[in-house]
PDB file of N, CA and C in Angstrom:
ATOM      1  N   MET A   1     -30.726  44.910 -22.664  1.00  0.00           N
ATOM      2  CA  MET A   1     -30.058  46.107 -22.206  1.00  0.00           C
ATOM      3  C   MET A   1     -28.629  46.092 -22.765  1.00  0.00           C
ATOM      4  N   ALA A   2     -28.144  47.245 -23.192  1.00  0.00           N
ATOM      5  CA  ALA A   2     -26.788  47.348 -23.743  1.00  0.00           C
ATOM      6  C   ALA A   2     -25.747  47.067 -22.665  1.00  0.00           C
ATOM      7  N   GLU A   3     -24.633  46.519 -23.087  1.00  0.00           N
ATOM      8  CA  GLU A   3     -23.530  46.248 -22.163  1.00  0.00           C
ATOM      9  C   GLU A   3     -22.353  47.134 -22.535  1.00  0.00           C
ATOM     10  N   PHE A   4     -21.574  47.529 -21.531  1.00  0.00           N
ATOM     11  CA  PHE A   4     -20.444  48.428 -21.737  1.00  0.00           C
ATOM     12  C   PHE A   4     -19.206  47.865 -21.052  1.00  0.00           C
ATOM     13  N   THR A   5     -18.096  47.942 -21.752  1.00  0.00           N
ATOM     14  CA  THR A   5     -16.832  47.496 -21.162  1.00  0.00           C
ATOM     15  C   THR A   5     -16.320  48.565 -20.210  1.00  0.00           C
ATOM     16  N   ASP A   6     -15.391  48.188 -19.355  1.00  0.00           N
ATOM     17  CA  ASP A   6     -14.773  49.164 -18.455  1.00  0.00           C
ATOM     18  C   ASP A   6     -14.079  50.265 -19.250  1.00  0.00           C
ATOM     19  N   ASP A   7     -13.377  49.891 -20.330  1.00  0.00           N
ATOM     20  CA  ASP A   7     -12.680  50.893 -21.148  1.00  0.00           C
ATOM     21  C   ASP A   7     -13.660  51.914 -21.727  1.00  0.00           C
ATOM     22  N   HIS A   8     -14.767  51.417 -22.250  1.00  0.00           N
ATOM     23  CA  HIS A   8     -15.764  52.341 -22.813  1.00  0.00           C
ATOM     24  C   HIS A   8     -16.337  53.257 -21.735  1.00  0.00           C
ATOM     25  N   MET A   9     -16.600  52.693 -20.579  1.00  0.00           N
ATOM     26  CA  MET A   9     -17.119  53.526 -19.484  1.00  0.00           C
ATOM     27  C   MET A   9     -16.114  54.603 -19.099  1.00  0.00           C
ATOM     28  N   HIS A  10     -14.831  54.260 -19.005  1.00  0.00           N
ATOM     29  CA  HIS A  10     -13.803  55.255 -18.670  1.00  0.00           C
ATOM     30  C   HIS A  10     -13.734  56.350 -19.727  1.00  0.00           C
ATOM     31  N   GLN A  11     -13.830  55.959 -20.998  1.00  0.00           N
ATOM     32  CA  GLN A  11     -13.823  56.950 -22.081  1.00  0.00           C
ATOM     33  C   GLN A  11     -15.021  57.890 -21.964  1.00  0.00           C
ATOM     34  N   MET A  12     -16.171  57.343 -21.734  1.00  0.00           N
ATOM     35  CA  MET A  12     -17.392  58.157 -21.612  1.00  0.00           C
ATOM     36  C   MET A  12     -17.343  59.062 -20.385  1.00  0.00           C
ATOM     37  N   LEU A  13     -16.914  58.515 -19.263  1.00  0.00           N
ATOM     38  CA  LEU A  13     -16.852  59.312 -18.034  1.00  0.00           C
ATOM     39  C   LEU A  13     -15.914  60.505 -18.193  1.00  0.00           C
ATOM     40  N   ALA A  14     -14.879  60.358 -19.012  1.00  0.00           N
ATOM     41  CA  ALA A  14     -13.941  61.462 -19.251  1.00  0.00           C
ATOM     42  C   ALA A  14     -14.587  62.616 -20.022  1.00  0.00           C
ATOM     43  N   THR A  15     -15.737  62.380 -20.654  1.00  0.00           N
ATOM     44  CA  THR A  15     -16.407  63.439 -21.424  1.00  0.00           C
ATOM     45  C   THR A  15     -17.421  64.220 -20.584  1.00  0.00           C
ATOM     46  N   MET A  16     -17.635  63.805 -19.350  1.00  0.00           N
ATOM     47  CA  MET A  16     -18.645  64.465 -18.524  1.00  0.00           C
ATOM     48  C   MET A  16     -18.266  65.914 -18.255  1.00  0.00           C
ATOM     49  N   LYS A  17     -19.297  66.736 -18.053  1.00  0.00           N
ATOM     50  CA  LYS A  17     -19.136  68.161 -17.821  1.00  0.00           C
ATOM     51  C   LYS A  17     -19.898  68.544 -16.548  1.00  0.00           C
ATOM     52  N   ASP A  18     -19.452  69.611 -15.900  1.00  0.00           N
ATOM     53  CA  ASP A  18     -20.137  70.106 -14.705  1.00  0.00           C
ATOM     54  C   ASP A  18     -21.398  70.884 -15.081  1.00  0.00           C
ATOM     55  N   TYR A  19     -22.465  70.598 -14.373  1.00  0.00           N
ATOM     56  CA  TYR A  19     -23.740  71.299 -14.495  1.00  0.00           C
ATOM     57  C   TYR A  19     -24.258  71.514 -13.074  1.00  0.00           C
ATOM     58  N   CYS A  20     -25.426  72.085 -12.954  1.00  0.00           N
ATOM     59  CA  CYS A  20     -26.088  72.208 -11.650  1.00  0.00           C
ATOM     60  C   CYS A  20     -27.565  71.901 -11.800  1.00  0.00           C
ATOM     61  N   ILE A  21     -28.087  71.203 -10.829  1.00  0.00           N
ATOM     62  CA  ILE A  21     -29.523  70.971 -10.726  1.00  0.00           C
ATOM     63  C   ILE A  21     -30.069  71.989  -9.731  1.00  0.00           C
ATOM     64  N   VAL A  22     -31.173  72.598 -10.076  1.00  0.00           N
ATOM     65  CA  VAL A  22     -31.858  73.498  -9.152  1.00  0.00           C
ATOM     66  C   VAL A  22     -33.200  72.869  -8.807  1.00  0.00           C
ATOM     67  N   LEU A  23     -33.440  72.720  -7.516  1.00  0.00           N
ATOM     68  CA  LEU A  23     -34.732  72.254  -7.018  1.00  0.00           C
ATOM     69  C   LEU A  23     -35.533  73.481  -6.617  1.00  0.00           C
ATOM     70  N   LEU A  24     -36.730  73.591  -7.148  1.00  0.00           N
ATOM     71  CA  LEU A  24     -37.610  74.717  -6.844  1.00  0.00           C
ATOM     72  C   LEU A  24     -38.666  74.244  -5.850  1.00  0.00           C
ATOM     73  N   LEU A  25     -38.783  74.967  -4.760  1.00  0.00           N
ATOM     74  CA  LEU A  25     -39.675  74.590  -3.665  1.00  0.00           C
ATOM     75  C   LEU A  25     -40.635  75.729  -3.356  1.00  0.00           C
ATOM     76  N   PRO A  26     -41.816  75.421  -2.829  1.00  0.00           N
ATOM     77  CA  PRO A  26     -42.736  76.499  -2.441  1.00  0.00           C
ATOM     78  C   PRO A  26     -42.109  77.380  -1.361  1.00  0.00           C
ATOM     79  N   GLY A  27     -42.288  78.666  -1.503  1.00  0.00           N
ATOM     80  CA  GLY A  27     -41.824  79.614  -0.504  1.00  0.00           C
ATOM     81  C   GLY A  27     -42.948  79.973   0.452  1.00  0.00           C
ATOM     82  N   PRO A  28     -42.687  80.867   1.393  1.00  0.00           N
ATOM     83  CA  PRO A  28     -43.697  81.217   2.399  1.00  0.00           C
ATOM     84  C   PRO A  28     -44.936  81.898   1.813  1.00  0.00           C
ATOM     85  N   LYS A  29     -44.833  82.471   0.624  1.00  0.00           N
ATOM     86  CA  LYS A  29     -45.976  83.156   0.015  1.00  0.00           C
ATOM     87  C   LYS A  29     -46.534  82.404  -1.187  1.00  0.00           C
ATOM     88  N   TYR A  30     -46.282  81.099  -1.241  1.00  0.00           N
ATOM     89  CA  TYR A  30     -46.701  80.273  -2.374  1.00  0.00           C
ATOM     90  C   TYR A  30     -48.212  80.334  -2.611  1.00  0.00           C
ATOM     91  N   ARG A  31     -48.985  80.380  -1.562  1.00  0.00           N
ATOM     92  CA  ARG A  31     -50.451  80.354  -1.692  1.00  0.00           C
ATOM     93  C   ARG A  31     -51.089  81.743  -1.578  1.00  0.00           C
ATOM     94  N   GLN A  32     -50.274  82.785  -1.593  1.00  0.00           N
ATOM     95  CA  GLN A  32     -50.834  84.136  -1.453  1.00  0.00           C
ATOM     96  C   GLN A  32     -51.656  84.528  -2.683  1.00  0.00           C
ATOM     97  N   LYS A  33     -52.570  85.437  -2.498  1.00  0.00           N
ATOM     98  CA  LYS A  33     -53.364  85.963  -3.606  1.00  0.00           C
ATOM     99  C   LYS A  33     -52.407  86.637  -4.594  1.00  0.00           C
ATOM    100  N   GLY A  34     -52.595  86.347  -5.872  1.00  0.00           N
ATOM    101  CA  GLY A  34     -51.754  86.929  -6.905  1.00  0.00           C
ATOM    102  C   GLY A  34     -50.511  86.129  -7.238  1.00  0.00           C
ATOM    103  N   ALA A  35     -50.284  85.017  -6.540  1.00  0.00           N
ATOM    104  CA  ALA A  35     -49.086  84.204  -6.789  1.00  0.00           C
ATOM    105  C   ALA A  35     -49.084  83.633  -8.205  1.00  0.00           C
ATOM    106  N   GLU A  36     -50.266  83.343  -8.748  1.00  0.00           N
ATOM    107  CA  GLU A  36     -50.352  82.767 -10.091  1.00  0.00           C
ATOM    108  C   GLU A  36     -49.712  83.687 -11.126  1.00  0.00           C
ATOM    109  N   ARG A  37     -49.936  84.976 -11.004  1.00  0.00           N
ATOM    110  CA  ARG A  37     -49.370  85.939 -11.963  1.00  0.00           C
ATOM    111  C   ARG A  37     -47.848  86.008 -11.806  1.00  0.00           C
ATOM    112  N   ILE A  38     -47.380  85.947 -10.587  1.00  0.00           N
ATOM    113  CA  ILE A  38     -45.930  85.959 -10.342  1.00  0.00           C
ATOM    114  C   ILE A  38     -45.299  84.691 -10.915  1.00  0.00           C
ATOM    115  N   ILE A  39     -45.961  83.556 -10.746  1.00  0.00           N
ATOM    116  CA  ILE A  39     -45.460  82.291 -11.284  1.00  0.00           C
ATOM    117  C   ILE A  39     -45.447  82.343 -12.817  1.00  0.00           C
ATOM    118  N   TRP A  40     -46.450  82.996 -13.412  1.00  0.00           N
ATOM    119  CA  TRP A  40     -46.477  83.153 -14.870  1.00  0.00           C
ATOM    120  C   TRP A  40     -45.241  83.923 -15.358  1.00  0.00           C
ATOM    121  N   GLU A  41     -44.882  84.975 -14.658  1.00  0.00           N
ATOM    122  CA  GLU A  41     -43.694  85.753 -15.038  1.00  0.00           C
ATOM    123  C   GLU A  41     -42.406  84.972 -14.779  1.00  0.00           C
ATOM    124  N   HIS A  42     -42.404  84.161 -13.737  1.00  0.00           N
ATOM    125  CA  HIS A  42     -41.291  83.238 -13.486  1.00  0.00           C
ATOM    126  C   HIS A  42     -41.136  82.311 -14.696  1.00  0.00           C
ATOM    127  N   GLY A  43     -42.250  81.787 -15.197  1.00  0.00           N
ATOM    128  CA  GLY A  43     -42.224  80.918 -16.369  1.00  0.00           C
ATOM    129  C   GLY A  43     -41.707  81.632 -17.605  1.00  0.00           C
ATOM    130  N   ARG A  44     -42.120  82.877 -17.793  1.00  0.00           N
ATOM    131  CA  ARG A  44     -41.636  83.669 -18.926  1.00  0.00           C
ATOM    132  C   ARG A  44     -40.113  83.804 -18.866  1.00  0.00           C
ATOM    133  N   ARG A  45     -39.609  84.034 -17.681  1.00  0.00           N
ATOM    134  CA  ARG A  45     -38.158  84.157 -17.491  1.00  0.00           C
ATOM    135  C   ARG A  45     -37.470  82.825 -17.796  1.00  0.00           C
ATOM    136  N   ASN A  46     -38.097  81.722 -17.402  1.00  0.00           N
ATOM    137  CA  ASN A  46     -37.544  80.404 -17.705  1.00  0.00           C
ATOM    138  C   ASN A  46     -37.453  80.174 -19.216  1.00  0.00           C
ATOM    139  N   PHE A  47     -38.456  80.635 -19.963  1.00  0.00           N
ATOM    140  CA  PHE A  47     -38.395  80.520 -21.420  1.00  0.00           C
ATOM    141  C   PHE A  47     -37.162  81.237 -21.955  1.00  0.00           C
ATOM    142  N   SER A  48     -36.858  82.407 -21.417  1.00  0.00           N
ATOM    143  CA  SER A  48     -35.697  83.169 -21.844  1.00  0.00           C
ATOM    144  C   SER A  48     -34.396  82.462 -21.477  1.00  0.00           C
ATOM    145  N   LEU A  49     -34.305  81.954 -20.255  1.00  0.00           N
ATOM    146  CA  LEU A  49     -33.107  81.224 -19.824  1.00  0.00           C
ATOM    147  C   LEU A  49     -32.887  79.984 -20.684  1.00  0.00           C
ATOM    148  N   ARG A  50     -33.960  79.325 -21.028  1.00  0.00           N
ATOM    149  CA  ARG A  50     -33.878  78.137 -21.885  1.00  0.00           C
ATOM    150  C   ARG A  50     -33.424  78.520 -23.286  1.00  0.00           C
ATOM    151  N   ALA A  51     -34.009  79.556 -23.849  1.00  0.00           N
ATOM    152  CA  ALA A  51     -33.657  80.008 -25.194  1.00  0.00           C
ATOM    153  C   ALA A  51     -32.192  80.440 -25.286  1.00  0.00           C
ATOM    154  N   ASN A  52     -31.655  80.956 -24.189  1.00  0.00           N
ATOM    155  CA  ASN A  52     -30.263  81.406 -24.164  1.00  0.00           C
ATOM    156  C   ASN A  52     -29.283  80.299 -23.769  1.00  0.00           C
ATOM    157  N   GLY A  53     -29.757  79.075 -23.577  1.00  0.00           N
ATOM    158  CA  GLY A  53     -28.893  77.940 -23.297  1.00  0.00           C
ATOM    159  C   GLY A  53     -28.414  77.827 -21.866  1.00  0.00           C
ATOM    160  N   LEU A  54     -28.894  78.707 -20.985  1.00  0.00           N
ATOM    161  CA  LEU A  54     -28.467  78.635 -19.584  1.00  0.00           C
ATOM    162  C   LEU A  54     -29.204  77.559 -18.799  1.00  0.00           C
ATOM    163  N   MET A  55     -30.424  77.263 -19.215  1.00  0.00           N
ATOM    164  CA  MET A  55     -31.249  76.296 -18.500  1.00  0.00           C
ATOM    165  C   MET A  55     -31.922  75.387 -19.535  1.00  0.00           C
ATOM    166  N   PRO A  56     -31.176  74.442 -20.104  1.00  0.00           N
ATOM    167  CA  PRO A  56     -31.723  73.639 -21.200  1.00  0.00           C
ATOM    168  C   PRO A  56     -32.795  72.633 -20.793  1.00  0.00           C
ATOM    169  N   ILE A  57     -32.850  72.270 -19.527  1.00  0.00           N
ATOM    170  CA  ILE A  57     -33.863  71.321 -19.049  1.00  0.00           C
ATOM    171  C   ILE A  57     -34.693  71.999 -17.970  1.00  0.00           C
ATOM    172  N   VAL A  58     -35.998  72.078 -18.201  1.00  0.00           N
ATOM    173  CA  VAL A  58     -36.932  72.698 -17.257  1.00  0.00           C
ATOM    174  C   VAL A  58     -38.061  71.698 -17.016  1.00  0.00           C
ATOM    175  N   CYS A  59     -38.318  71.378 -15.760  1.00  0.00           N
ATOM    176  CA  CYS A  59     -39.338  70.372 -15.427  1.00  0.00           C
ATOM    177  C   CYS A  59     -40.223  70.848 -14.280  1.00  0.00           C
ATOM    178  N   PRO A  60     -41.355  71.478 -14.564  1.00  0.00           N
ATOM    179  CA  PRO A  60     -42.310  71.732 -13.485  1.00  0.00           C
ATOM    180  C   PRO A  60     -42.785  70.380 -12.929  1.00  0.00           C
ATOM    181  N   VAL A  61     -42.925  70.296 -11.638  1.00  0.00           N
ATOM    182  CA  VAL A  61     -43.360  69.045 -10.998  1.00  0.00           C
ATOM    183  C   VAL A  61     -44.857  69.152 -10.734  1.00  0.00           C
ATOM    184  N   SER A  62     -45.596  68.143 -11.188  1.00  0.00           N
ATOM    185  CA  SER A  62     -47.060  68.216 -11.106  1.00  0.00           C
ATOM    186  C   SER A  62     -47.674  67.204 -10.152  1.00  0.00           C
ATOM    187  N   ASP A  63     -46.854  66.538  -9.359  1.00  0.00           N
ATOM    188  CA  ASP A  63     -47.434  65.607  -8.391  1.00  0.00           C
ATOM    189  C   ASP A  63     -47.728  66.355  -7.086  1.00  0.00           C
ATOM    190  N   GLU A  64     -48.091  65.646  -6.088  1.00  0.00           N
ATOM    191  CA  GLU A  64     -48.477  66.262  -4.815  1.00  0.00           C
ATOM    192  C   GLU A  64     -47.311  66.361  -3.834  1.00  0.00           C
ATOM    193  N   SER A  65     -46.080  66.283  -4.336  1.00  0.00           N
ATOM    194  CA  SER A  65     -44.915  66.366  -3.459  1.00  0.00           C
ATOM    195  C   SER A  65     -44.652  67.815  -3.049  1.00  0.00           C
ATOM    196  N   SER A  66     -43.631  68.008  -2.266  1.00  0.00           N
ATOM    197  CA  SER A  66     -43.264  69.355  -1.834  1.00  0.00           C
ATOM    198  C   SER A  66     -42.316  70.023  -2.827  1.00  0.00           C
ATOM    199  N   LEU A  67     -42.089  69.399  -3.963  1.00  0.00           N
ATOM    200  CA  LEU A  67     -41.210  69.944  -4.991  1.00  0.00           C
ATOM    201  C   LEU A  67     -42.051  70.628  -6.061  1.00  0.00           C
ATOM    202  N   SER A  68     -41.704  71.878  -6.398  1.00  0.00           N
ATOM    203  CA  SER A  68     -42.448  72.617  -7.427  1.00  0.00           C
ATOM    204  C   SER A  68     -41.843  72.429  -8.807  1.00  0.00           C
ATOM    205  N   GLY A  69     -40.538  72.188  -8.863  1.00  0.00           N
ATOM    206  CA  GLY A  69     -39.908  71.994 -10.160  1.00  0.00           C
ATOM    207  C   GLY A  69     -38.445  71.675  -9.996  1.00  0.00           C
ATOM    208  N   LEU A  70     -37.838  71.275 -11.098  1.00  0.00           N
ATOM    209  CA  LEU A  70     -36.394  71.100 -11.125  1.00  0.00           C
ATOM    210  C   LEU A  70     -35.911  71.468 -12.515  1.00  0.00           C
ATOM    211  N   CYS A  71     -34.664  71.882 -12.586  1.00  0.00           N
ATOM    212  CA  CYS A  71     -34.078  72.232 -13.864  1.00  0.00           C
ATOM    213  C   CYS A  71     -32.587  71.963 -13.808  1.00  0.00           C
ATOM    214  N   ILE A  72     -32.004  71.888 -14.978  1.00  0.00           N
ATOM    215  CA  ILE A  72     -30.558  71.722 -15.079  1.00  0.00           C
ATOM    216  C   ILE A  72     -30.007  72.978 -15.728  1.00  0.00           C
ATOM    217  N   PHE A  73     -29.035  73.581 -15.058  1.00  0.00           N
ATOM    218  CA  PHE A  73     -28.386  74.796 -15.548  1.00  0.00           C
ATOM    219  C   PHE A  73     -27.024  74.469 -16.139  1.00  0.00           C
ATOM    220  N   ASN A  74     -26.676  75.191 -17.166  1.00  0.00           N
ATOM    221  CA  ASN A  74     -25.357  75.137 -17.778  1.00  0.00           C
ATOM    222  C   ASN A  74     -24.599  76.382 -17.315  1.00  0.00           C
ATOM    223  N   ALA A  75     -24.305  76.420 -16.020  1.00  0.00           N
ATOM    224  CA  ALA A  75     -23.653  77.587 -15.411  1.00  0.00           C
ATOM    225  C   ALA A  75     -23.060  77.171 -14.069  1.00  0.00           C
ATOM    226  N   THR A  76     -22.249  78.055 -13.517  1.00  0.00           N
ATOM    227  CA  THR A  76     -21.641  77.795 -12.213  1.00  0.00           C
ATOM    228  C   THR A  76     -22.663  78.027 -11.099  1.00  0.00           C
ATOM    229  N   PRO A  77     -22.438  77.433  -9.933  1.00  0.00           N
ATOM    230  CA  PRO A  77     -23.343  77.696  -8.809  1.00  0.00           C
ATOM    231  C   PRO A  77     -23.448  79.190  -8.490  1.00  0.00           C
ATOM    232  N   GLU A  78     -22.356  79.928  -8.603  1.00  0.00           N
ATOM    233  CA  GLU A  78     -22.379  81.364  -8.309  1.00  0.00           C
ATOM    234  C   GLU A  78     -23.276  82.120  -9.296  1.00  0.00           C
ATOM    235  N   LYS A  79     -23.161  81.787 -10.579  1.00  0.00           N
ATOM    236  CA  LYS A  79     -23.988  82.431 -11.602  1.00  0.00           C
ATOM    237  C   LYS A  79     -25.451  82.064 -11.411  1.00  0.00           C
ATOM    238  N   ILE A  80     -25.709  80.805 -11.058  1.00  0.00           N
ATOM    239  CA  ILE A  80     -27.087  80.361 -10.849  1.00  0.00           C
ATOM    240  C   ILE A  80     -27.708  81.067  -9.653  1.00  0.00           C
ATOM    241  N   LYS A  81     -26.942  81.245  -8.591  1.00  0.00           N
ATOM    242  CA  LYS A  81     -27.454  81.980  -7.430  1.00  0.00           C
ATOM    243  C   LYS A  81     -27.859  83.389  -7.841  1.00  0.00           C
ATOM    244  N   GLU A  82     -27.039  84.037  -8.635  1.00  0.00           N
ATOM    245  CA  GLU A  82     -27.358  85.384  -9.128  1.00  0.00           C
ATOM    246  C   GLU A  82     -28.645  85.362  -9.964  1.00  0.00           C
ATOM    247  N   ILE A  83     -28.757  84.375 -10.853  1.00  0.00           N
ATOM    248  CA  ILE A  83     -29.952  84.247 -11.691  1.00  0.00           C
ATOM    249  C   ILE A  83     -31.185  83.988 -10.838  1.00  0.00           C
ATOM    250  N   MET A  84     -31.097  83.032  -9.938  1.00  0.00           N
ATOM    251  CA  MET A  84     -32.257  82.662  -9.134  1.00  0.00           C
ATOM    252  C   MET A  84     -32.650  83.743  -8.144  1.00  0.00           C
ATOM    253  N   ASP A  85     -31.677  84.446  -7.586  1.00  0.00           N
ATOM    254  CA  ASP A  85     -32.004  85.543  -6.668  1.00  0.00           C
ATOM    255  C   ASP A  85     -32.748  86.672  -7.391  1.00  0.00           C
ATOM    256  N   GLY A  86     -32.590  86.767  -8.715  1.00  0.00           N
ATOM    257  CA  GLY A  86     -33.301  87.772  -9.506  1.00  0.00           C
ATOM    258  C   GLY A  86     -34.639  87.291 -10.042  1.00  0.00           C
ATOM    259  N   ASP A  87     -34.988  86.046  -9.793  1.00  0.00           N
ATOM    260  CA  ASP A  87     -36.252  85.497 -10.276  1.00  0.00           C
ATOM    261  C   ASP A  87     -37.414  86.189  -9.571  1.00  0.00           C
ATOM    262  N   PRO A  88     -38.443  86.613 -10.313  1.00  0.00           N
ATOM    263  CA  PRO A  88     -39.548  87.336  -9.671  1.00  0.00           C
ATOM    264  C   PRO A  88     -40.279  86.535  -8.599  1.00  0.00           C
ATOM    265  N   ALA A  89     -40.416  85.228  -8.801  1.00  0.00           N
ATOM    266  CA  ALA A  89     -41.121  84.411  -7.809  1.00  0.00           C
ATOM    267  C   ALA A  89     -40.270  84.164  -6.567  1.00  0.00           C
ATOM    268  N   VAL A  90     -38.968  84.080  -6.735  1.00  0.00           N
ATOM    269  CA  VAL A  90     -38.072  83.944  -5.582  1.00  0.00           C
ATOM    270  C   VAL A  90     -38.054  85.262  -4.809  1.00  0.00           C
ATOM    271  N   LYS A  91     -37.934  86.364  -5.525  1.00  0.00           N
ATOM    272  CA  LYS A  91     -37.918  87.680  -4.865  1.00  0.00           C
ATOM    273  C   LYS A  91     -39.208  87.940  -4.094  1.00  0.00           C
ATOM    274  N   ALA A  92     -40.330  87.434  -4.613  1.00  0.00           N
ATOM    275  CA  ALA A  92     -41.628  87.648  -3.963  1.00  0.00           C
ATOM    276  C   ALA A  92     -41.902  86.646  -2.842  1.00  0.00           C
ATOM    277  N   GLY A  93     -41.020  85.659  -2.653  1.00  0.00           N
ATOM    278  CA  GLY A  93     -41.240  84.659  -1.614  1.00  0.00           C
ATOM    279  C   GLY A  93     -42.192  83.553  -2.018  1.00  0.00           C
ATOM    280  N   VAL A  94     -42.568  83.498  -3.302  1.00  0.00           N
ATOM    281  CA  VAL A  94     -43.459  82.447  -3.787  1.00  0.00           C
ATOM    282  C   VAL A  94     -42.697  81.127  -3.910  1.00  0.00           C
ATOM    283  N   PHE A  95     -41.442  81.215  -4.338  1.00  0.00           N
ATOM    284  CA  PHE A  95     -40.580  80.046  -4.435  1.00  0.00           C
ATOM    285  C   PHE A  95     -39.300  80.273  -3.648  1.00  0.00           C
ATOM    286  N   ARG A  96     -38.670  79.184  -3.283  1.00  0.00           N
ATOM    287  CA  ARG A  96     -37.303  79.173  -2.784  1.00  0.00           C
ATOM    288  C   ARG A  96     -36.595  78.083  -3.571  1.00  0.00           C
ATOM    289  N   TYR A  97     -35.283  78.005  -3.464  1.00  0.00           N
ATOM    290  CA  TYR A  97     -34.565  77.057  -4.305  1.00  0.00           C
ATOM    291  C   TYR A  97     -33.349  76.485  -3.596  1.00  0.00           C
ATOM    292  N   GLU A  98     -32.874  75.360  -4.138  1.00  0.00           N
ATOM    293  CA  GLU A  98     -31.618  74.738  -3.714  1.00  0.00           C
ATOM    294  C   GLU A  98     -30.796  74.486  -4.968  1.00  0.00           C
ATOM    295  N   ILE A  99     -29.498  74.713  -4.895  1.00  0.00           N
ATOM    296  CA  ILE A  99     -28.583  74.447  -6.005  1.00  0.00           C
ATOM    297  C   ILE A  99     -27.728  73.231  -5.641  1.00  0.00           C
ATOM    298  N   HIS A 100     -27.623  72.291  -6.577  1.00  0.00           N
ATOM    299  CA  HIS A 100     -26.816  71.087  -6.368  1.00  0.00           C
ATOM    300  C   HIS A 100     -25.906  70.880  -7.572  1.00  0.00           C
ATOM    301  N   ALA A 101     -24.591  70.897  -7.331  1.00  0.00           N
ATOM    302  CA  ALA A 101     -23.633  70.633  -8.401  1.00  0.00           C
ATOM    303  C   ALA A 101     -23.775  69.181  -8.843  1.00  0.00           C
ATOM    304  N   CYS A 102     -23.655  68.956 -10.146  1.00  0.00           N
ATOM    305  CA  CYS A 102     -23.732  67.601 -10.686  1.00  0.00           C
ATOM    306  C   CYS A 102     -22.871  67.519 -11.949  1.00  0.00           C
ATOM    307  N   ARG A 103     -22.809  66.341 -12.513  1.00  0.00           N
ATOM    308  CA  ARG A 103     -22.082  66.131 -13.771  1.00  0.00           C
ATOM    309  C   ARG A 103     -22.973  65.308 -14.696  1.00  0.00           C
ATOM    310  N   SER A 104     -22.824  65.554 -15.985  1.00  0.00           N
ATOM    311  CA  SER A 104     -23.565  64.760 -16.959  1.00  0.00           C
ATOM    312  C   SER A 104     -22.839  64.793 -18.288  1.00  0.00           C
ATOM    313  N   PHE A 105     -23.438  64.148 -19.267  1.00  0.00           N
ATOM    314  CA  PHE A 105     -22.834  64.041 -20.585  1.00  0.00           C
ATOM    315  C   PHE A 105     -23.369  65.140 -21.496  1.00  0.00           C
ATOM    316  N   PRO A 106     -22.502  65.996 -22.035  1.00  0.00           N
ATOM    317  CA  PRO A 106     -22.959  67.023 -22.974  1.00  0.00           C
ATOM    318  C   PRO A 106     -23.720  66.397 -24.129  1.00  0.00           C
ATOM    319  N   GLY A 107     -24.810  67.030 -24.507  1.00  0.00           N
ATOM    320  CA  GLY A 107     -25.626  66.530 -25.613  1.00  0.00           C
ATOM    321  C   GLY A 107     -26.772  65.630 -25.188  1.00  0.00           C
ATOM    322  N   ASP A 108     -26.768  65.160 -23.941  1.00  0.00           N
ATOM    323  CA  ASP A 108     -27.902  64.368 -23.489  1.00  0.00           C
ATOM    324  C   ASP A 108     -29.162  65.235 -23.543  1.00  0.00           C
ATOM    325  N   CYS A 109     -30.282  64.608 -23.800  1.00  0.00           N
ATOM    326  CA  CYS A 109     -31.534  65.365 -23.854  1.00  0.00           C
ATOM    327  C   CYS A 109     -32.688  64.445 -23.495  1.00  0.00           C
ATOM    328  N   LEU A 110     -33.832  65.048 -23.310  1.00  0.00           N
ATOM    329  CA  LEU A 110     -35.029  64.265 -23.017  1.00  0.00           C
ATOM    330  C   LEU A 110     -35.527  63.605 -24.305  1.00  0.00           C
ATOM    331  N   PRO A 111     -36.020  62.389 -24.242  1.00  0.00           N
ATOM    332  CA  PRO A 111     -36.547  61.742 -25.460  1.00  0.00           C
ATOM    333  C   PRO A 111     -37.826  62.431 -25.920  1.00  0.00           C
ATOM    334  N   GLU A 112     -38.041  62.400 -27.217  1.00  0.00           N
ATOM    335  CA  GLU A 112     -39.275  62.994 -27.768  1.00  0.00           C
ATOM    336  C   GLU A 112     -40.435  62.062 -27.621  1.00  0.00           C
TER     337      GLU A 112
END
């Protein structure tokens, strides 16, 4: 495992930027008839948000937990609330969400 000096860690920590994590959770209408089509349109919107750099990390959760997905937004909590409140699946009650401010290193990405 790589080792880092305190000086290097301080230098790296100074480069961190504010982001937000959004946790996507099932809403009261998650299992309603027709929810699959609404979720499909939610996904289409996610493709657009990703392409525009607002949501560079999108992770649908496929285990049996109560979490439906998580993503990282490159926006303020206020802007994310506006975006998420306009999501078709959130508006339909299929999903609900939580916003959590966080920090990370610009340029980090998922490994291929």
